[in-house]
Amino acid sequence: MLPTADFIDLLQRLIATPSLSREEKATATILEDFLRQREVEPRRLRNNVWAVSRNWREGRPTVLLNSHHDTVKPAAGYTRDPHDPAIADGKLYGLGSNDAGGALVGLIAAFLRWENDPALPVNLVLAATAEEEISGPDGIAALLPQLPPIDSGIVGEPTRLDLAVAERGLVVIDGETSGQSGHAARREGVNALYRAIEDIAAIRDYSFTRPSERLGPTTATVTVISAGTQHNVVPDRCNFVIDLRVNEAYSNQEAVAELQSVCQHAQLKPRSLRLQSSRIPADHFLLAAARRARPAAKDYGSPTLSDQALMPFPTLKIGPGDSARSHTANEFIYVDEVEEGIRVYGELIGHCGVGTANK
């Protein structure tokens, strides 16, 4: 097992290297070199770096260990250099430290600990991916078809090492109502804006019919509206945008169809249906292994989106750090959180031998 200091150093190097979504080339190279220096042969697709365990055996469950190395832009309120990975008062500062550098180096540590152990009863695939922050096409979506068949996955995100057993899906929807233009002074025409307001009120007041214990209700929120060209012309088009957050009781298609049935006037067109909700079965061996590794961990449903949304197999989201710190000015993660993440991930993988018949 490699010293924890090696992974703290790796995290500091990643923080010191800018890696905005679509601009992760340099950090991908750092990750490639780190793995190669430790006798693992990494593979690369664009800015995604991945590796397969050397103890691979046919017929065993395959577990994906995934986190991302891209970041958002630094928040406007930064008072520190976002790429200075300084440690002060036990905090490791820097952009991407919490989201999701701590989780990424923890999963790399677990992979290196176990990937060449012939006694491990699962196959491991490590994937450090790009474009997670924008759900981009050249991240995990591009990589998954290149990987061996995956049975289940661990997604590294800051969860305070609690167990995110479900995650909301997302659909952005464009709504449009039509009317007939006319002169406002003569009250002519059919006002598309008024029609939109009626449907927006219906959306606001609607309760979706399938609840979820983990994620609560599916919700729809209108966030943008646009209509009209000048003050004296009745608008014949009104456009609005809906943020639809979908619990695991629905597919995205089903949730959009139910919302459409609420609208008397508007036509709803989803921009994409790809970001589905996700969950892991209560009796899955990964969940049992995580509970053995961290008995104090709590189960919860996550409201925030991750690359889980693009994975068509059971996934568990868990990682060091706190989601409340993500995308904030002066982002940080505690060093002892990273160290605990390394321990928990390592023990989680080690416990995968119990119950692996349930894939």
Foldseek 3Di string as FASTA:
>chain_A
DDDPVVLLVLLLVLQLDAAAFVRNQVNLVSVCVVQVVLVFHWDDDRSKIKGKFPLDDPPFAEEEEEAESHFHPADPPAPDDQSRQDADPQKGWHTCAQRFSLQLSLSVLLCSVPRHPNPQRYIYMYMHWGDFVPPDCRTVVVCVVVDDDHAEYEYEHAPQQAKAFKEWFKWKKKKKFFKFKDFQVVPDIGARVVLVVVLQVLLVPDWDDDADPFPGTWHKHWDDKDFDDDDGMRTGMIMTMIITIHTPVDQQVVVVVVSVVSRPGMDMDTPDRQQTMAGADPLALLVVLLCVLPVVHHYHHHHDGGCRSNDPHHYIYGYFHHPVQGSHHRRIGRSVSSVSSSSSSNSSSVSSVPPSVRD
